[in-house]
Amino acid sequence: MNDQSHTFQVFPWNDNLVVGIPKIDEQHRVLIDLINELATQLVGDSSVELNRVFDELTAYANYHFETEENIWAPCFVDDEWFFNHQRTHASFIDDILAIKEQDNDRPLQQTVEKIVGFLVRWLAYHIIDSDKRMASAAITSMATRPPMARATTCSRSPSASRACSDRSPP
C-alpha cells in the first residue's frame, strides 16, 4: 500500500465504523485503506496501478468476507440472517466486477470513479448497519456460551487460521 501521507482519503476511518470485534475492525480498516488507495491512483493516471489496487481490493474483500463468515457462523447456526449476510457478500464481488465489465468501453478512470463511489456507499452502509448488528448479536452469543464453545475460529480450518494470523489475502 502507498504511504498514507500521499493517500487521498475519500473514505476516512472513524469510530462509527467500529463493530467491536478487533479482527473484523482491523480488516475493515484495511478495506477502507484500499478504497482510499484506489481513489489516490485515479490521480496518478496509471492503468497498471489502478488494476493492481482493484485486484488487491477484490482479493482482500473475499478474504475478509470469509473471515467474517467464519466468526459469525457459530453464532448464527441455521439462521436466515446469516445466510442473507453471506448472499450480500457474494453479490458485492459480483456487483463490482459487473461495473468493471459493463464499463469496458469507457476510460478506466471513469470506471474506477464509479467503482469507488459504489464501494464507499456499500461498505459504509454494510458496516454501520449489517456488520454492527451482527457483531452485537455475536458478542452477546459468545458471552453466553460455555468457555470451550467460545474458542476462536482459528482452530476450525486452514482458511480461518490464516484469517486469524495475518492480513494477507489467501
C-alpha atoms as a PDB file:
ATOM      1  CA  MET A   1       0.000   0.000   0.000  1.00  0.00           C
ATOM      2  CA  ASN A   2       1.046   3.569  -0.559  1.00  0.00           C
ATOM      3  CA  ASP A   3       2.381   5.782   2.203  1.00  0.00           C
ATOM      4  CA  GLN A   4      -0.693   7.171   3.988  1.00  0.00           C
ATOM      5  CA  SER A   5       0.640  10.751   3.736  1.00  0.00           C
ATOM      6  CA  HIS A   6       0.207  10.513  -0.057  1.00  0.00           C
ATOM      7  CA  THR A   7      -3.211   8.849   0.013  1.00  0.00           C
ATOM      8  CA  PHE A   8      -6.343  10.752  -0.823  1.00  0.00           C
ATOM      9  CA  GLN A   9      -8.951   9.997   1.863  1.00  0.00           C
ATOM     10  CA  VAL A  10     -12.331   9.640   0.138  1.00  0.00           C
ATOM     11  CA  PHE A  11     -13.428   7.366   2.976  1.00  0.00           C
ATOM     12  CA  PRO A  12     -11.759   8.263   6.290  1.00  0.00           C
ATOM     13  CA  TRP A  13     -11.928   5.754   9.140  1.00  0.00           C
ATOM     14  CA  ASN A  14     -13.860   6.873  12.204  1.00  0.00           C
ATOM     15  CA  ASP A  15     -15.212   5.316  15.395  1.00  0.00           C
ATOM     16  CA  ASN A  16     -18.706   4.966  13.910  1.00  0.00           C
ATOM     17  CA  LEU A  17     -17.280   2.083  11.869  1.00  0.00           C
ATOM     18  CA  VAL A  18     -16.071   0.076  14.885  1.00  0.00           C
ATOM     19  CA  VAL A  19     -18.115  -3.125  15.250  1.00  0.00           C
ATOM     20  CA  GLY A  20     -16.406  -4.279  18.451  1.00  0.00           C
ATOM     21  CA  ILE A  21     -14.689  -7.411  17.150  1.00  0.00           C
ATOM     22  CA  PRO A  22     -10.995  -6.492  16.739  1.00  0.00           C
ATOM     23  CA  LYS A  23     -10.249  -8.852  13.836  1.00  0.00           C
ATOM     24  CA  ILE A  24     -13.195  -7.505  11.835  1.00  0.00           C
ATOM     25  CA  ASP A  25     -12.418  -3.884  12.725  1.00  0.00           C
ATOM     26  CA  GLU A  26      -8.799  -4.371  11.611  1.00  0.00           C
ATOM     27  CA  GLN A  27      -9.906  -5.853   8.299  1.00  0.00           C
ATOM     28  CA  HIS A  28     -12.475  -3.096   7.741  1.00  0.00           C
ATOM     29  CA  ARG A  29      -9.631  -0.579   8.178  1.00  0.00           C
ATOM     30  CA  VAL A  30      -7.600  -2.405   5.514  1.00  0.00           C
ATOM     31  CA  LEU A  31     -10.570  -2.380   3.123  1.00  0.00           C
ATOM     32  CA  ILE A  32     -11.029   1.348   3.674  1.00  0.00           C
ATOM     33  CA  ASP A  33      -7.297   1.925   3.147  1.00  0.00           C
ATOM     34  CA  LEU A  34      -7.517   0.016  -0.143  1.00  0.00           C
ATOM     35  CA  ILE A  35     -10.516   2.073  -1.276  1.00  0.00           C
ATOM     36  CA  ASN A  36      -8.565   5.227  -0.450  1.00  0.00           C
ATOM     37  CA  GLU A  37      -5.547   3.888  -2.326  1.00  0.00           C
ATOM     38  CA  LEU A  38      -7.746   3.152  -5.338  1.00  0.00           C
ATOM     39  CA  ALA A  39      -9.040   6.734  -5.229  1.00  0.00           C
ATOM     40  CA  THR A  40      -5.458   8.015  -4.943  1.00  0.00           C
ATOM     41  CA  GLN A  41      -4.439   6.027  -8.020  1.00  0.00           C
ATOM     42  CA  LEU A  42      -7.079   7.897 -10.029  1.00  0.00           C
ATOM     43  CA  VAL A  43      -4.895  10.999  -9.725  1.00  0.00           C
ATOM     44  CA  GLY A  44      -1.817   9.083 -10.894  1.00  0.00           C
ATOM     45  CA  ASP A  45      -3.459   8.035 -14.162  1.00  0.00           C
ATOM     46  CA  SER A  46      -1.730   4.634 -14.255  1.00  0.00           C
ATOM     47  CA  SER A  47      -3.997   1.857 -15.505  1.00  0.00           C
ATOM     48  CA  VAL A  48      -1.441  -0.723 -14.299  1.00  0.00           C
ATOM     49  CA  GLU A  49      -1.605   0.624 -10.730  1.00  0.00           C
ATOM     50  CA  LEU A  50      -5.391   1.050 -10.847  1.00  0.00           C
ATOM     51  CA  ASN A  51      -5.820  -2.571 -11.913  1.00  0.00           C
ATOM     52  CA  ARG A  52      -3.307  -3.762  -9.297  1.00  0.00           C
ATOM     53  CA  VAL A  53      -5.118  -1.961  -6.468  1.00  0.00           C
ATOM     54  CA  PHE A  54      -8.515  -3.053  -7.775  1.00  0.00           C
ATOM     55  CA  ASP A  55      -7.359  -6.683  -7.872  1.00  0.00           C
ATOM     56  CA  GLU A  56      -5.861  -6.374  -4.372  1.00  0.00           C
ATOM     57  CA  LEU A  57      -9.098  -4.865  -3.070  1.00  0.00           C
ATOM     58  CA  THR A  58     -11.201  -7.626  -4.641  1.00  0.00           C
ATOM     59  CA  ALA A  59      -8.948 -10.371  -3.216  1.00  0.00           C
ATOM     60  CA  TYR A  60      -8.881  -8.761   0.217  1.00  0.00           C
ATOM     61  CA  ALA A  61     -12.675  -8.328   0.239  1.00  0.00           C
ATOM     62  CA  ASN A  62     -13.064 -12.060  -0.445  1.00  0.00           C
ATOM     63  CA  TYR A  63     -10.564 -12.846   2.316  1.00  0.00           C
ATOM     64  CA  HIS A  64     -12.379 -10.520   4.734  1.00  0.00           C
ATOM     65  CA  PHE A  65     -15.815 -11.950   3.918  1.00  0.00           C
ATOM     66  CA  GLU A  66     -14.516 -15.470   4.580  1.00  0.00           C
ATOM     67  CA  THR A  67     -13.041 -14.354   7.911  1.00  0.00           C
ATOM     68  CA  GLU A  68     -16.216 -12.562   8.932  1.00  0.00           C
ATOM     69  CA  GLU A  69     -18.422 -15.515   7.999  1.00  0.00           C
ATOM     70  CA  ASN A  70     -16.168 -17.869   9.997  1.00  0.00           C
ATOM     71  CA  ILE A  71     -16.680 -15.616  13.021  1.00  0.00           C
ATOM     72  CA  TRP A  72     -20.447 -15.331  12.514  1.00  0.00           C
ATOM     73  CA  ALA A  73     -21.145 -18.991  11.647  1.00  0.00           C
ATOM     74  CA  PRO A  74     -21.003 -20.495  15.165  1.00  0.00           C
ATOM     75  CA  CYS A  75     -23.255 -17.717  16.467  1.00  0.00           C
ATOM     76  CA  PHE A  76     -25.921 -17.958  13.756  1.00  0.00           C
ATOM     77  CA  VAL A  77     -26.396 -21.665  13.069  1.00  0.00           C
ATOM     78  CA  ASP A  78     -29.210 -22.199  10.530  1.00  0.00           C
ATOM     79  CA  ASP A  79     -30.145 -18.523  10.784  1.00  0.00           C
ATOM     80  CA  GLU A  80     -31.623 -16.789   7.731  1.00  0.00           C
ATOM     81  CA  TRP A  81     -29.999 -13.534   8.849  1.00  0.00           C
ATOM     82  CA  PHE A  82     -26.569 -15.145   8.461  1.00  0.00           C
ATOM     83  CA  PHE A  83     -27.487 -16.659   5.084  1.00  0.00           C
ATOM     84  CA  ASN A  84     -28.659 -13.230   3.852  1.00  0.00           C
ATOM     85  CA  HIS A  85     -25.357 -11.758   5.036  1.00  0.00           C
ATOM     86  CA  GLN A  86     -23.459 -14.379   3.025  1.00  0.00           C
ATOM     87  CA  ARG A  87     -25.555 -13.601  -0.061  1.00  0.00           C
ATOM     88  CA  THR A  88     -24.817  -9.893   0.387  1.00  0.00           C
ATOM     89  CA  HIS A  89     -21.104 -10.631   0.481  1.00  0.00           C
ATOM     90  CA  ALA A  90     -21.333 -12.770  -2.657  1.00  0.00           C
ATOM     91  CA  SER A  91     -23.295 -10.122  -4.535  1.00  0.00           C
ATOM     92  CA  PHE A  92     -20.769  -7.411  -3.577  1.00  0.00           C
ATOM     93  CA  ILE A  93     -17.969  -9.015  -5.577  1.00  0.00           C
ATOM     94  CA  ASP A  94     -20.317  -9.769  -8.461  1.00  0.00           C
ATOM     95  CA  ASP A  95     -21.513  -6.143  -8.467  1.00  0.00           C
ATOM     96  CA  ILE A  96     -18.065  -4.544  -8.628  1.00  0.00           C
ATOM     97  CA  LEU A  97     -16.890  -6.981 -11.296  1.00  0.00           C
ATOM     98  CA  ALA A  98     -20.059  -6.246 -13.299  1.00  0.00           C
ATOM     99  CA  ILE A  99     -19.430  -2.486 -13.062  1.00  0.00           C
ATOM    100  CA  LYS A 100     -15.874  -3.008 -14.274  1.00  0.00           C
ATOM    101  CA  GLU A 101     -17.007  -5.240 -17.153  1.00  0.00           C
ATOM    102  CA  GLN A 102     -20.003  -3.178 -18.298  1.00  0.00           C
ATOM    103  CA  ASP A 103     -17.885  -0.061 -18.490  1.00  0.00           C
ATOM    104  CA  ASN A 104     -15.156  -1.642 -20.640  1.00  0.00           C
ATOM    105  CA  ASP A 105     -15.787   0.901 -23.405  1.00  0.00           C
ATOM    106  CA  ARG A 106     -15.201   3.816 -21.019  1.00  0.00           C
ATOM    107  CA  PRO A 107     -11.807   5.111 -19.913  1.00  0.00           C
ATOM    108  CA  LEU A 108     -10.565   3.119 -16.917  1.00  0.00           C
ATOM    109  CA  GLN A 109     -10.572   6.213 -14.709  1.00  0.00           C
ATOM    110  CA  GLN A 110     -14.313   6.758 -15.228  1.00  0.00           C
ATOM    111  CA  THR A 111     -14.971   3.127 -14.380  1.00  0.00           C
ATOM    112  CA  VAL A 112     -12.829   3.323 -11.248  1.00  0.00           C
ATOM    113  CA  GLU A 113     -14.580   6.531 -10.159  1.00  0.00           C
ATOM    114  CA  LYS A 114     -17.889   4.683 -10.449  1.00  0.00           C
ATOM    115  CA  ILE A 115     -16.483   1.705  -8.528  1.00  0.00           C
ATOM    116  CA  VAL A 116     -15.031   3.919  -5.765  1.00  0.00           C
ATOM    117  CA  GLY A 117     -18.419   5.608  -5.314  1.00  0.00           C
ATOM    118  CA  PHE A 118     -20.125   2.219  -5.148  1.00  0.00           C
ATOM    119  CA  LEU A 119     -17.521   0.873  -2.695  1.00  0.00           C
ATOM    120  CA  VAL A 120     -17.779   3.807  -0.304  1.00  0.00           C
ATOM    121  CA  ARG A 121     -21.596   3.694  -0.204  1.00  0.00           C
ATOM    122  CA  TRP A 122     -21.794  -0.095   0.010  1.00  0.00           C
ATOM    123  CA  LEU A 123     -19.099  -0.577   2.646  1.00  0.00           C
ATOM    124  CA  ALA A 124     -20.233   2.306   4.871  1.00  0.00           C
ATOM    125  CA  TYR A 125     -23.824   1.055   4.872  1.00  0.00           C
ATOM    126  CA  HIS A 126     -22.796  -2.579   5.264  1.00  0.00           C
ATOM    127  CA  ILE A 127     -20.519  -1.896   8.236  1.00  0.00           C
ATOM    128  CA  ILE A 128     -22.765   0.606  10.016  1.00  0.00           C
ATOM    129  CA  ASP A 129     -25.955  -1.373   9.529  1.00  0.00           C
ATOM    130  CA  SER A 130     -25.426  -5.062   8.948  1.00  0.00           C
ATOM    131  CA  ASP A 131     -21.998  -5.772  10.471  1.00  0.00           C
ATOM    132  CA  LYS A 132     -22.627  -3.729  13.619  1.00  0.00           C
ATOM    133  CA  ARG A 133     -25.916  -5.522  14.293  1.00  0.00           C
ATOM    134  CA  MET A 134     -24.390  -8.946  13.608  1.00  0.00           C
ATOM    135  CA  ALA A 135     -21.353  -8.161  15.754  1.00  0.00           C
ATOM    136  CA  SER A 136     -23.551  -7.083  18.644  1.00  0.00           C
ATOM    137  CA  ALA A 137     -25.572 -10.301  18.425  1.00  0.00           C
ATOM    138  CA  ALA A 138     -22.405 -12.405  18.022  1.00  0.00           C
ATOM    139  CA  ILE A 139     -20.726 -10.776  21.025  1.00  0.00           C
ATOM    140  CA  THR A 140     -23.818 -11.489  23.116  1.00  0.00           C
ATOM    141  CA  SER A 141     -23.953 -15.064  21.826  1.00  0.00           C
ATOM    142  CA  MET A 142     -20.254 -15.673  22.538  1.00  0.00           C
ATOM    143  CA  ALA A 143     -20.578 -14.227  26.037  1.00  0.00           C
ATOM    144  CA  THR A 144     -23.385 -16.639  26.914  1.00  0.00           C
ATOM    145  CA  ARG A 145     -21.711 -19.795  25.561  1.00  0.00           C
ATOM    146  CA  PRO A 146     -19.532 -22.046  27.723  1.00  0.00           C
ATOM    147  CA  PRO A 147     -15.765 -21.294  27.550  1.00  0.00           C
ATOM    148  CA  MET A 148     -14.956 -24.264  25.281  1.00  0.00           C
ATOM    149  CA  ALA A 149     -17.581 -23.140  22.762  1.00  0.00           C
ATOM    150  CA  ARG A 150     -16.032 -19.661  22.696  1.00  0.00           C
ATOM    151  CA  ALA A 151     -12.744 -20.937  21.251  1.00  0.00           C
ATOM    152  CA  THR A 152     -11.584 -18.832  18.348  1.00  0.00           C
ATOM    153  CA  THR A 153     -12.408 -19.902  14.849  1.00  0.00           C
ATOM    154  CA  CYS A 154      -8.651 -20.206  14.253  1.00  0.00           C
ATOM    155  CA  SER A 155      -8.758 -23.889  15.102  1.00  0.00           C
ATOM    156  CA  ARG A 156     -11.631 -24.677  12.740  1.00  0.00           C
ATOM    157  CA  SER A 157      -9.988 -24.646   9.309  1.00  0.00           C
ATOM    158  CA  PRO A 158      -6.788 -23.676   7.488  1.00  0.00           C
ATOM    159  CA  SER A 159      -8.500 -20.682   5.869  1.00  0.00           C
ATOM    160  CA  ALA A 160      -9.887 -19.474   9.196  1.00  0.00           C
ATOM    161  CA  SER A 161      -6.461 -19.944  10.736  1.00  0.00           C
ATOM    162  CA  ARG A 162      -4.945 -17.694   8.056  1.00  0.00           C
ATOM    163  CA  ALA A 163      -7.590 -15.094   8.775  1.00  0.00           C
ATOM    164  CA  CYS A 164      -6.578 -15.030  12.443  1.00  0.00           C
ATOM    165  CA  SER A 165      -2.846 -14.950  11.812  1.00  0.00           C
ATOM    166  CA  ASP A 166      -2.288 -12.348   9.106  1.00  0.00           C
ATOM    167  CA  ARG A 167      -3.793  -9.723   6.838  1.00  0.00           C
ATOM    168  CA  SER A 168      -2.672 -11.238   3.551  1.00  0.00           C
ATOM    169  CA  PRO A 169      -5.287 -12.499   1.134  1.00  0.00           C
ATOM    170  CA  PRO A 170      -5.230 -16.237   0.545  1.00  0.00           C
END
